[in-house]
């Protein structure tokens, strides 16, 4: 009986170590929140990155670094 209790306590300690809590619903909700943030923030990051590249190209073009007529 004591061995069984120690075995259960060891498994609970492993669960706490790996998941941070004993409540699996909180873990699922935390995972869903991270996925939601990932899917919301990644397109925003990509959009801002492309906008930044466009601004850099515009600055180079205004400075005379690109010959737009030669490209077209």
N, C-alpha and C. Protein backbone atom coordinates (compact mmCIF):
# COMPACT_ATOMS: atom_id res chain seq x y z
N UNK A 1 0.83 -1.20 0.00
CA UNK A 1 0.00 0.00 0.00
C UNK A 1 0.87 1.26 0.00
N UNK A 2 1.90 1.25 0.83
CA UNK A 2 2.80 2.40 0.89
C UNK A 2 3.52 2.58 -0.45
N UNK A 3 3.93 1.47 -1.04
CA UNK A 3 4.62 1.52 -2.33
C UNK A 3 3.70 2.08 -3.40
N UNK A 4 2.44 1.69 -3.36
CA UNK A 4 1.47 2.21 -4.33
C UNK A 4 1.29 3.71 -4.16
N UNK A 5 1.19 4.18 -2.92
CA UNK A 5 1.04 5.62 -2.66
C UNK A 5 2.27 6.38 -3.14
N UNK A 6 3.46 5.83 -2.90
CA UNK A 6 4.68 6.49 -3.37
C UNK A 6 4.73 6.54 -4.89
N UNK A 7 4.29 5.46 -5.53
CA UNK A 7 4.27 5.41 -6.98
C UNK A 7 3.31 6.47 -7.54
N UNK A 8 2.14 6.61 -6.93
CA UNK A 8 1.17 7.62 -7.36
C UNK A 8 1.74 9.02 -7.15
N UNK A 9 2.39 9.24 -6.02
CA UNK A 9 2.99 10.56 -5.77
C UNK A 9 4.08 10.88 -6.78
N UNK A 10 4.88 9.89 -7.14
CA UNK A 10 5.91 10.11 -8.16
C UNK A 10 5.28 10.50 -9.49
N UNK A 11 4.21 9.81 -9.87
CA UNK A 11 3.54 10.15 -11.12
C UNK A 11 2.92 11.54 -11.07
N UNK A 12 2.37 11.91 -9.93
CA UNK A 12 1.81 13.26 -9.79
C UNK A 12 2.91 14.31 -9.90
N UNK A 13 4.06 14.01 -9.29
CA UNK A 13 5.18 14.95 -9.41
C UNK A 13 5.63 15.10 -10.85
N UNK A 14 5.64 13.99 -11.61
CA UNK A 14 5.98 14.08 -13.03
C UNK A 14 4.96 14.90 -13.79
N UNK A 15 3.68 14.70 -13.48
CA UNK A 15 2.63 15.49 -14.14
C UNK A 15 2.80 16.98 -13.85
N UNK A 16 3.06 17.29 -12.58
CA UNK A 16 3.25 18.70 -12.21
C UNK A 16 4.48 19.25 -12.92
N UNK A 17 5.53 18.46 -13.01
CA UNK A 17 6.74 18.91 -13.67
C UNK A 17 6.51 19.17 -15.16
N UNK A 18 5.81 18.27 -15.83
CA UNK A 18 5.63 18.41 -17.27
C UNK A 18 4.54 19.41 -17.65
N UNK A 19 3.49 19.48 -16.88
CA UNK A 19 2.36 20.31 -17.28
C UNK A 19 2.16 21.55 -16.40
N UNK A 20 2.80 21.61 -15.27
CA UNK A 20 2.71 22.78 -14.41
C UNK A 20 1.46 22.82 -13.55
N UNK A 21 0.52 21.96 -13.81
CA UNK A 21 -0.71 21.95 -13.03
C UNK A 21 -1.33 20.56 -13.11
N UNK A 22 -2.23 20.27 -12.21
CA UNK A 22 -2.91 18.99 -12.24
C UNK A 22 -4.17 19.03 -13.09
N UNK A 23 -4.57 20.22 -13.52
CA UNK A 23 -5.83 20.37 -14.25
C UNK A 23 -5.57 20.30 -15.75
N UNK A 24 -5.94 19.20 -16.41
CA UNK A 24 -5.66 19.09 -17.85
C UNK A 24 -6.47 20.07 -18.69
N UNK A 25 -7.63 20.51 -18.18
CA UNK A 25 -8.43 21.47 -18.94
C UNK A 25 -7.68 22.79 -19.08
N UNK A 26 -7.00 23.20 -18.01
CA UNK A 26 -6.20 24.43 -18.09
C UNK A 26 -5.09 24.29 -19.12
N UNK A 27 -4.49 23.10 -19.18
CA UNK A 27 -3.42 22.88 -20.16
C UNK A 27 -3.95 22.98 -21.57
N UNK A 28 -5.12 22.40 -21.82
CA UNK A 28 -5.72 22.46 -23.15
C UNK A 28 -6.07 23.90 -23.50
N UNK A 29 -6.65 24.62 -22.55
CA UNK A 29 -7.00 26.03 -22.81
C UNK A 29 -5.75 26.87 -23.06
N UNK A 30 -4.70 26.60 -22.30
CA UNK A 30 -3.45 27.33 -22.50
C UNK A 30 -2.88 27.05 -23.89
N UNK A 31 -2.92 25.78 -24.30
CA UNK A 31 -2.44 25.40 -25.63
C UNK A 31 -3.27 26.07 -26.71
N UNK A 32 -4.61 26.09 -26.53
CA UNK A 32 -5.48 26.72 -27.53
C UNK A 32 -5.23 28.22 -27.60
N UNK A 33 -4.97 28.85 -26.46
CA UNK A 33 -4.68 30.28 -26.46
C UNK A 33 -3.39 30.58 -27.22
N UNK A 34 -2.36 29.78 -27.00
CA UNK A 34 -1.10 29.98 -27.72
C UNK A 34 -1.29 29.79 -29.21
N UNK A 35 -2.07 28.77 -29.61
CA UNK A 35 -2.34 28.54 -31.04
C UNK A 35 -3.11 29.71 -31.64
N UNK A 36 -4.09 30.22 -30.90
CA UNK A 36 -4.86 31.36 -31.38
C UNK A 36 -3.97 32.59 -31.55
N UNK A 37 -3.13 32.85 -30.55
CA UNK A 37 -2.21 33.98 -30.67
C UNK A 37 -1.26 33.79 -31.84
N UNK A 38 -0.79 32.56 -32.04
CA UNK A 38 0.12 32.28 -33.15
C UNK A 38 -0.55 32.59 -34.48
N UNK A 39 -1.80 32.12 -34.66
CA UNK A 39 -2.50 32.32 -35.93
C UNK A 39 -2.93 33.76 -36.12
N UNK A 40 -3.07 34.52 -35.03
CA UNK A 40 -3.43 35.93 -35.17
C UNK A 40 -2.20 36.82 -35.38
N UNK A 41 -1.13 36.52 -34.69
CA UNK A 41 0.04 37.39 -34.73
C UNK A 41 0.96 37.12 -35.91
N UNK A 42 1.00 35.89 -36.40
CA UNK A 42 1.89 35.58 -37.52
C UNK A 42 1.53 36.35 -38.79
N UNK A 43 0.25 36.41 -39.20
CA UNK A 43 -0.07 37.23 -40.38
C UNK A 43 0.23 38.71 -40.16
N UNK A 44 0.02 39.19 -38.94
CA UNK A 44 0.33 40.59 -38.66
C UNK A 44 1.83 40.84 -38.80
N UNK A 45 2.64 39.93 -38.29
CA UNK A 45 4.08 40.06 -38.42
C UNK A 45 4.49 40.04 -39.90
N UNK A 46 3.92 39.11 -40.67
CA UNK A 46 4.26 39.03 -42.09
C UNK A 46 3.86 40.31 -42.82
N UNK A 47 2.69 40.84 -42.49
CA UNK A 47 2.23 42.08 -43.13
C UNK A 47 3.17 43.24 -42.80
N UNK A 48 3.55 43.36 -41.53
CA UNK A 48 4.45 44.45 -41.14
C UNK A 48 5.83 44.27 -41.76
N UNK A 49 6.27 43.04 -41.89
CA UNK A 49 7.58 42.78 -42.50
C UNK A 49 7.57 43.20 -43.98
N UNK A 50 6.50 42.84 -44.70
CA UNK A 50 6.39 43.23 -46.11
C UNK A 50 6.25 44.74 -46.25
N UNK A 51 5.50 45.36 -45.34
CA UNK A 51 5.36 46.81 -45.37
C UNK A 51 6.71 47.48 -45.15
N UNK A 52 7.50 46.94 -44.23
CA UNK A 52 8.84 47.48 -43.97
C UNK A 52 9.73 47.35 -45.20
N UNK A 53 9.65 46.20 -45.89
CA UNK A 53 10.44 46.03 -47.11
C UNK A 53 10.02 47.03 -48.19
N UNK A 54 8.70 47.26 -48.32
CA UNK A 54 8.22 48.24 -49.30
C UNK A 54 8.73 49.63 -48.98
N UNK A 55 8.75 49.98 -47.70
CA UNK A 55 9.25 51.30 -47.31
C UNK A 55 10.73 51.43 -47.61
N UNK A 56 11.49 50.37 -47.38
CA UNK A 56 12.92 50.42 -47.69
C UNK A 56 13.16 50.59 -49.19
N UNK A 57 12.39 49.87 -50.00
CA UNK A 57 12.52 50.01 -51.46
C UNK A 57 12.16 51.42 -51.89
N UNK A 58 11.11 51.98 -51.28
CA UNK A 58 10.72 53.35 -51.61
C UNK A 58 11.81 54.35 -51.24
N UNK A 59 12.43 54.16 -50.09
CA UNK A 59 13.51 55.07 -49.69
C UNK A 59 14.69 54.98 -50.66
N UNK A 60 15.03 53.76 -51.06
CA UNK A 60 16.14 53.59 -52.01
C UNK A 60 15.79 54.24 -53.34
N UNK A 61 14.53 54.06 -53.77
CA UNK A 61 14.11 54.64 -55.04
C UNK A 61 14.12 56.16 -54.98
N UNK A 62 13.68 56.74 -53.86
CA UNK A 62 13.68 58.19 -53.72
C UNK A 62 15.10 58.74 -53.66
N UNK A 63 16.01 57.95 -53.14
CA UNK A 63 17.40 58.40 -53.06
C UNK A 63 18.12 58.23 -54.39
N UNK A 64 17.43 57.67 -55.38
CA UNK A 64 18.04 57.51 -56.69
C UNK A 64 18.81 56.22 -56.84
N UNK A 65 18.60 55.29 -55.93
CA UNK A 65 19.34 54.04 -55.98
C UNK A 65 18.78 53.03 -56.96
N UNK A 66 17.53 53.22 -57.38
CA UNK A 66 16.92 52.29 -58.32
C UNK A 66 16.44 53.06 -59.55
N UNK A 67 16.65 52.46 -60.69
CA UNK A 67 16.15 53.05 -61.93
C UNK A 67 14.90 52.28 -62.33
N UNK A 68 13.74 52.84 -61.97
CA UNK A 68 12.48 52.13 -62.20
C UNK A 68 12.18 51.95 -63.68
N UNK A 69 12.55 52.91 -64.49
CA UNK A 69 12.24 52.83 -65.92
C UNK A 69 13.05 51.72 -66.60
N UNK A 70 14.22 51.43 -66.08
CA UNK A 70 15.03 50.37 -66.66
C UNK A 70 14.43 49.00 -66.38
N UNK A 71 13.67 48.90 -65.28
CA UNK A 71 13.08 47.61 -64.93
C UNK A 71 11.88 47.28 -65.80
N UNK A 72 11.12 48.30 -66.21
CA UNK A 72 9.86 48.02 -66.91
C UNK A 72 10.00 48.13 -68.39
